[in-house]
Amino acid sequence: MIEGRPSRTAARVALRRAAHQLVDTPSVLEDPLALAVIEPEHAARLRRDGHAFERSGLDSYLRAFMAVRSRFAEDELTAAARRGARQYVLLGAGLDTFAYRNPHAAVRVFEVDHPATQEWKRRRLREGGIPIPDSLTFVPVDFERQTLGDELARAGLDRGAPTLFAMLGVVPYLTPEALDGTWTYVASGAHGSGIVFDYSIPPASMSAAQRAVFDVMAARVAGAGEPWKTTLDPARLAVRLRSLGFVETEDLDGEAINARYFHERADGLRVGGATHLVSART
């Protein structure tokens, strides 16, 4: 992202989650705060036309994926909370609204993001009339100058307690080294901790149609000053996660995501085939 400015891609993601509430029935992700957290003029435009910010036929797939990855993470948190997890760390939280509608009374949420993006979010919360719950801790981190572990420790994260981490829309923007460091940090935590993230397979593994979509999207985010840096091979990823100590891993490709969350929808809403959702637990 551009230094000193909030993430432009975070804004686009929030617009798609908000549009999902208006144009897709039934909703995959029920988010009553999605419209309140975005810029009011954007919310008003979406209420007039839920497709107002769409550019091409790709947008329904993107809208579906932005919604379903949040739903997947929240489903995984529900399962983790039943197993005793009491902390949820959102890495690159953007305008995610989970912390403000958290149904788990015993779960503390830590939102980690770049300081500029987090200050923008806090302004949007104030202007949107969304109160900040006592169960939320903001953790601003400039990864060029600070480390995740140090800042979470200062924020009060209990490393002795099982914790679920979520990286939604984050993996493509990290270097492989930074990504591996994050996995290592999560795996070194309390037994029963876990992580949820999404990723794209390498372009060389894609079909011609998938590669064409990938190239268009890569150009878009690069034009916004936030270029993609990492794709992952599913087989190599599984080996690496096991080597770090993740003993239970689920990796859903597009077909599996559609079967679980978009089965027999009358509107045909679905995700593309090159994206994956992963849940891994120590």
Protein backbone atom coordinates (compact mmCIF):
# COMPACT_ATOMS: atom_id res chain seq x y z
CA MET A 1 0.00 0.00 0.00
CA ILE A 2 1.04 3.62 -0.46
CA GLU A 3 2.72 5.03 2.66
CA GLY A 4 0.44 7.17 4.80
CA ARG A 5 -2.75 6.21 2.94
CA PRO A 6 -5.42 3.66 3.89
CA SER A 7 -5.64 0.53 1.78
CA ARG A 8 -7.61 1.01 -1.44
CA THR A 9 -8.17 -2.70 -1.80
CA ALA A 10 -9.68 -2.81 1.71
CA ALA A 11 -12.21 -0.24 0.56
CA ARG A 12 -13.09 -2.30 -2.51
CA VAL A 13 -13.52 -5.44 -0.41
CA ALA A 14 -15.87 -3.59 1.94
CA LEU A 15 -17.94 -2.34 -1.00
CA ARG A 16 -18.36 -5.90 -2.27
CA ARG A 17 -19.38 -7.21 1.14
CA ALA A 18 -21.92 -4.39 1.38
CA ALA A 19 -23.26 -5.05 -2.11
CA HIS A 20 -23.67 -8.72 -1.20
CA GLN A 21 -26.18 -7.72 1.48
CA LEU A 22 -28.34 -6.01 -1.14
CA VAL A 23 -28.17 -8.08 -4.30
CA ASP A 24 -27.64 -11.71 -3.28
CA THR A 25 -30.49 -13.72 -1.76
CA PRO A 26 -29.95 -15.57 0.48
CA SER A 27 -26.82 -13.91 1.86
CA VAL A 28 -23.86 -16.17 2.42
CA LEU A 29 -22.58 -13.67 5.00
CA GLU A 30 -25.15 -11.92 7.18
CA ASP A 31 -23.56 -8.56 7.97
CA PRO A 32 -25.97 -5.84 9.15
CA LEU A 33 -23.06 -3.39 9.57
CA ALA A 34 -21.61 -3.75 6.07
CA LEU A 35 -23.35 -0.66 4.71
CA ALA A 36 -22.81 1.43 7.84
CA VAL A 37 -19.03 1.01 7.82
CA ILE A 38 -18.38 2.17 4.25
CA GLU A 39 -18.36 5.80 3.10
CA PRO A 40 -21.94 7.18 3.32
CA GLU A 41 -22.02 8.34 -0.29
CA HIS A 42 -20.99 4.84 -1.38
CA ALA A 43 -23.67 3.28 0.81
CA ALA A 44 -26.30 5.59 -0.67
CA ARG A 45 -25.19 4.73 -4.19
CA LEU A 46 -25.37 1.00 -3.43
CA ARG A 47 -28.86 1.36 -1.99
CA ARG A 48 -29.94 2.92 -5.27
CA ASP A 49 -28.13 0.28 -7.34
CA GLY A 50 -26.45 -2.71 -5.71
CA HIS A 51 -24.32 -3.23 -8.82
CA ALA A 52 -23.16 0.39 -9.01
CA PHE A 53 -19.46 -0.32 -8.47
CA GLU A 54 -19.19 -3.36 -10.69
CA ARG A 55 -17.01 -3.16 -13.78
CA SER A 56 -17.35 -6.50 -15.54
CA GLY A 57 -18.70 -10.02 -15.41
CA LEU A 58 -15.95 -10.88 -12.94
CA ASP A 59 -17.54 -8.85 -10.18
CA SER A 60 -20.17 -11.38 -9.13
CA TYR A 61 -17.40 -13.95 -8.56
CA LEU A 62 -15.40 -11.42 -6.55
CA ARG A 63 -18.45 -10.41 -4.53
CA ALA A 64 -19.15 -14.05 -3.76
CA PHE A 65 -15.58 -14.70 -2.67
CA MET A 66 -15.31 -11.62 -0.43
CA ALA A 67 -18.48 -12.73 1.34
CA VAL A 68 -17.68 -16.42 1.61
CA ARG A 69 -14.14 -16.04 2.95
CA SER A 70 -15.50 -13.95 5.85
CA ARG A 71 -18.24 -16.53 6.40
CA PHE A 72 -15.64 -19.33 6.37
CA ALA A 73 -13.48 -17.54 8.94
CA GLU A 74 -16.46 -16.86 11.19
CA ASP A 75 -17.58 -20.49 10.91
CA GLU A 76 -14.08 -21.58 11.91
CA LEU A 77 -14.10 -19.19 14.86
CA THR A 78 -17.41 -20.63 16.07
CA ALA A 79 -15.85 -24.10 16.00
CA ALA A 80 -12.67 -22.86 17.69
CA ALA A 81 -14.64 -21.12 20.43
CA ARG A 82 -16.44 -24.38 21.17
CA ARG A 83 -13.03 -26.01 21.60
CA GLY A 84 -11.94 -23.30 24.03
CA ALA A 85 -10.37 -20.57 21.90
CA ARG A 86 -10.79 -17.17 23.55
CA GLN A 87 -8.84 -14.90 21.20
CA TYR A 88 -9.38 -14.00 17.53
CA VAL A 89 -6.71 -12.03 15.68
CA LEU A 90 -7.65 -10.42 12.37
CA LEU A 91 -4.49 -9.68 10.39
CA GLY A 92 -5.17 -6.95 7.85
CA ALA A 93 -8.62 -6.32 9.31
CA GLY A 94 -9.58 -3.56 6.88
CA LEU A 95 -13.27 -2.69 7.31
CA ASP A 96 -14.21 -6.14 8.60
CA THR A 97 -17.17 -5.80 10.99
CA PHE A 98 -17.01 -9.07 12.94
CA ALA A 99 -15.73 -7.48 16.15
CA TYR A 100 -18.80 -5.20 16.29
CA ARG A 101 -21.30 -8.05 15.97
CA ASN A 102 -19.29 -10.74 17.81
CA PRO A 103 -21.73 -13.32 19.23
CA HIS A 104 -19.07 -15.04 21.36
CA ALA A 105 -19.06 -13.33 24.77
CA ALA A 106 -15.81 -15.01 25.85
CA VAL A 107 -13.82 -14.21 22.68
CA ARG A 108 -11.56 -11.15 22.60
CA VAL A 109 -10.82 -9.73 19.14
CA PHE A 110 -7.54 -8.09 18.10
CA GLU A 111 -7.60 -6.11 14.86
CA VAL A 112 -4.16 -5.76 13.30
CA ASP A 113 -3.62 -3.33 10.44
CA HIS A 114 -1.40 -0.59 9.08
CA PRO A 115 -1.80 2.58 11.19
CA ALA A 116 -3.21 4.64 8.29
CA THR A 117 -5.81 2.03 7.42
CA GLN A 118 -6.75 1.57 11.06
CA GLU A 119 -7.20 5.30 11.65
CA TRP A 120 -9.44 5.45 8.58
CA LYS A 121 -11.48 2.58 9.95
CA ARG A 122 -11.87 4.22 13.34
CA ARG A 123 -13.17 7.33 11.58
CA ARG A 124 -15.62 5.24 9.61
CA LEU A 125 -16.84 3.59 12.82
CA ARG A 126 -17.42 6.97 14.46
CA GLU A 127 -19.21 8.40 11.45
CA GLY A 128 -21.20 5.20 10.94
CA GLY A 129 -22.40 5.23 14.54
CA ILE A 130 -20.84 1.83 15.28
CA PRO A 131 -19.71 1.57 18.93
CA ILE A 132 -16.37 -0.04 19.74
CA PRO A 133 -16.96 -2.99 22.11
CA ASP A 134 -14.87 -3.62 25.20
CA SER A 135 -13.92 -7.00 23.72
CA LEU A 136 -11.93 -5.36 20.87
CA THR A 137 -8.31 -4.23 20.86
CA PHE A 138 -6.84 -2.27 17.95
CA VAL A 139 -3.23 -3.18 17.12
CA PRO A 140 -1.67 -0.75 14.62
CA VAL A 141 1.44 -2.31 13.07
CA ASP A 142 3.80 -0.83 10.51
CA PHE A 143 5.53 -4.01 9.37
CA GLU A 144 8.50 -2.07 8.00
CA ARG A 145 9.31 -0.85 11.52
CA GLN A 146 7.55 -3.20 13.95
CA THR A 147 7.06 -6.94 14.43
CA LEU A 148 3.71 -8.69 14.78
CA GLY A 149 4.66 -10.65 17.90
CA ASP A 150 5.98 -7.61 19.76
CA GLU A 151 2.94 -5.48 19.00
CA LEU A 152 0.44 -8.21 19.89
CA ALA A 153 2.28 -8.76 23.18
CA ARG A 154 2.06 -5.04 23.95
CA ALA A 155 -1.66 -5.17 23.11
CA GLY A 156 -2.23 -7.92 25.67
CA LEU A 157 -2.51 -11.07 23.58
CA ASP A 158 -2.15 -14.13 25.82
CA ARG A 159 0.25 -16.48 24.04
CA GLY A 160 -0.69 -19.22 26.49
CA ALA A 161 -4.31 -19.28 25.32
CA PRO A 162 -5.60 -20.97 22.14
CA THR A 163 -6.07 -18.31 19.47
CA LEU A 164 -7.51 -18.27 15.97
CA PHE A 165 -5.79 -15.99 13.46
CA ALA A 166 -7.41 -14.89 10.20
CA MET A 167 -5.68 -13.47 7.13
CA LEU A 168 -8.41 -12.60 4.65
CA GLY A 169 -7.16 -11.10 1.42
CA VAL A 170 -3.67 -10.75 2.93
CA VAL A 171 -1.58 -13.63 1.58
CA PRO A 172 -1.16 -12.31 -2.00
CA TYR A 173 0.33 -9.05 -0.71
CA LEU A 174 3.00 -10.63 1.51
CA THR A 175 6.41 -11.89 0.46
CA PRO A 176 6.88 -15.66 0.88
CA GLU A 177 9.31 -14.93 3.73
CA ALA A 178 6.83 -12.72 5.60
CA LEU A 179 4.06 -15.26 5.10
CA ASP A 180 6.18 -18.12 6.41
CA GLY A 181 7.15 -16.00 9.40
CA THR A 182 3.48 -15.44 10.22
CA TRP A 183 2.69 -19.15 9.99
CA THR A 184 5.66 -19.92 12.23
CA TYR A 185 4.49 -17.39 14.81
CA VAL A 186 0.97 -18.86 14.88
CA ALA A 187 2.26 -22.45 15.08
CA SER A 188 4.47 -21.59 18.04
CA GLY A 189 1.49 -20.47 20.11
CA ALA A 190 -0.72 -22.43 22.48
CA HIS A 191 -1.88 -25.93 21.57
CA GLY A 192 -5.13 -25.73 19.65
CA SER A 193 -4.35 -22.40 18.02
CA GLY A 194 -5.07 -22.05 14.32
CA ILE A 195 -5.15 -19.87 11.25
CA VAL A 196 -7.59 -19.20 8.42
CA PHE A 197 -6.49 -17.66 5.12
CA ASP A 198 -7.20 -17.53 1.42
CA TYR A 199 -4.78 -17.77 -1.47
CA SER A 200 -4.49 -18.17 -5.23
CA ILE A 201 -2.74 -20.99 -7.04
CA PRO A 202 0.26 -20.14 -9.28
CA PRO A 203 -0.64 -18.80 -12.75
CA ALA A 204 1.18 -21.74 -14.36
CA SER A 205 -1.35 -24.09 -12.70
CA MET A 206 -4.38 -22.21 -13.99
CA SER A 207 -6.53 -22.83 -17.01
CA ALA A 208 -6.39 -20.26 -19.79
CA ALA A 209 -9.62 -18.65 -18.55
CA GLN A 210 -8.40 -18.54 -14.97
CA ARG A 211 -5.08 -17.04 -16.07
CA ALA A 212 -6.88 -14.31 -17.99
CA VAL A 213 -8.90 -13.39 -14.88
CA PHE A 214 -5.78 -13.49 -12.72
CA ASP A 215 -3.93 -11.14 -15.05
CA VAL A 216 -6.81 -8.64 -15.05
CA MET A 217 -7.05 -8.64 -11.25
CA ALA A 218 -3.28 -8.46 -10.80
CA ALA A 219 -3.21 -5.39 -13.02
CA ARG A 220 -6.03 -3.77 -11.01
CA VAL A 221 -4.36 -4.14 -7.63
CA ALA A 222 -0.97 -3.13 -8.99
CA GLY A 223 -2.61 -0.01 -10.38
CA ALA A 224 -3.92 0.73 -6.88
CA GLY A 225 -0.35 0.59 -5.56
CA GLU A 226 -0.83 -2.79 -3.85
CA PRO A 227 0.70 -5.44 -6.14
CA TRP A 228 0.37 -9.17 -5.54
CA LYS A 229 3.58 -10.92 -4.46
CA THR A 230 2.68 -14.51 -3.61
CA THR A 231 0.76 -17.48 -4.96
CA LEU A 232 0.85 -20.95 -3.41
CA ASP A 233 0.97 -24.53 -4.65
CA PRO A 234 -1.56 -26.58 -2.62
CA ALA A 235 0.63 -29.68 -2.28
CA ARG A 236 3.71 -27.74 -1.17
CA LEU A 237 1.58 -25.65 1.17
CA ALA A 238 0.22 -28.76 2.89
CA VAL A 239 3.75 -30.08 3.44
CA ARG A 240 4.96 -26.76 4.85
CA LEU A 241 2.04 -26.39 7.24
CA ARG A 242 2.57 -29.91 8.57
CA SER A 243 6.27 -29.23 9.06
CA LEU A 244 5.42 -26.22 11.21
CA GLY A 245 3.14 -28.24 13.48
CA PHE A 246 -0.31 -27.74 11.98
CA VAL A 247 -1.82 -31.20 12.40
CA GLU A 248 -5.34 -30.55 11.11
CA THR A 249 -5.60 -28.75 7.78
CA GLU A 250 -8.52 -28.19 5.42
CA ASP A 251 -7.90 -26.66 1.99
CA LEU A 252 -11.01 -25.91 -0.08
CA ASP A 253 -10.67 -25.14 -3.78
CA GLY A 254 -13.33 -23.31 -5.75
CA GLU A 255 -15.34 -26.45 -6.43
CA ALA A 256 -15.41 -27.39 -2.73
CA ILE A 257 -16.31 -23.82 -1.70
CA ASN A 258 -19.21 -23.80 -4.12
CA ALA A 259 -20.42 -27.21 -2.93
CA ARG A 260 -20.40 -26.09 0.71
CA TYR A 261 -21.73 -22.54 0.46
CA PHE A 262 -23.38 -22.03 -2.94
CA HIS A 263 -25.10 -25.35 -3.60
CA GLU A 264 -28.29 -25.15 -5.67
CA ARG A 265 -28.63 -21.37 -5.53
CA ALA A 266 -31.31 -20.04 -7.83
CA ASP A 267 -29.20 -16.99 -8.71
CA GLY A 268 -26.13 -19.02 -9.76
CA LEU A 269 -23.80 -17.11 -7.41
CA ARG A 270 -20.46 -18.90 -7.09
CA VAL A 271 -16.71 -18.40 -6.78
CA GLY A 272 -14.02 -19.03 -9.36
CA GLY A 273 -11.77 -22.05 -9.43
CA ALA A 274 -8.30 -20.59 -8.78
CA THR A 275 -8.91 -19.41 -5.22
CA HIS A 276 -8.60 -21.51 -2.06
CA LEU A 277 -9.69 -21.24 1.58
CA VAL A 278 -7.55 -22.84 4.26
CA SER A 279 -8.06 -23.65 7.92
CA ALA A 280 -5.11 -25.11 9.87
CA ARG A 281 -4.87 -25.99 13.55
CA THR A 282 -2.01 -26.99 15.82
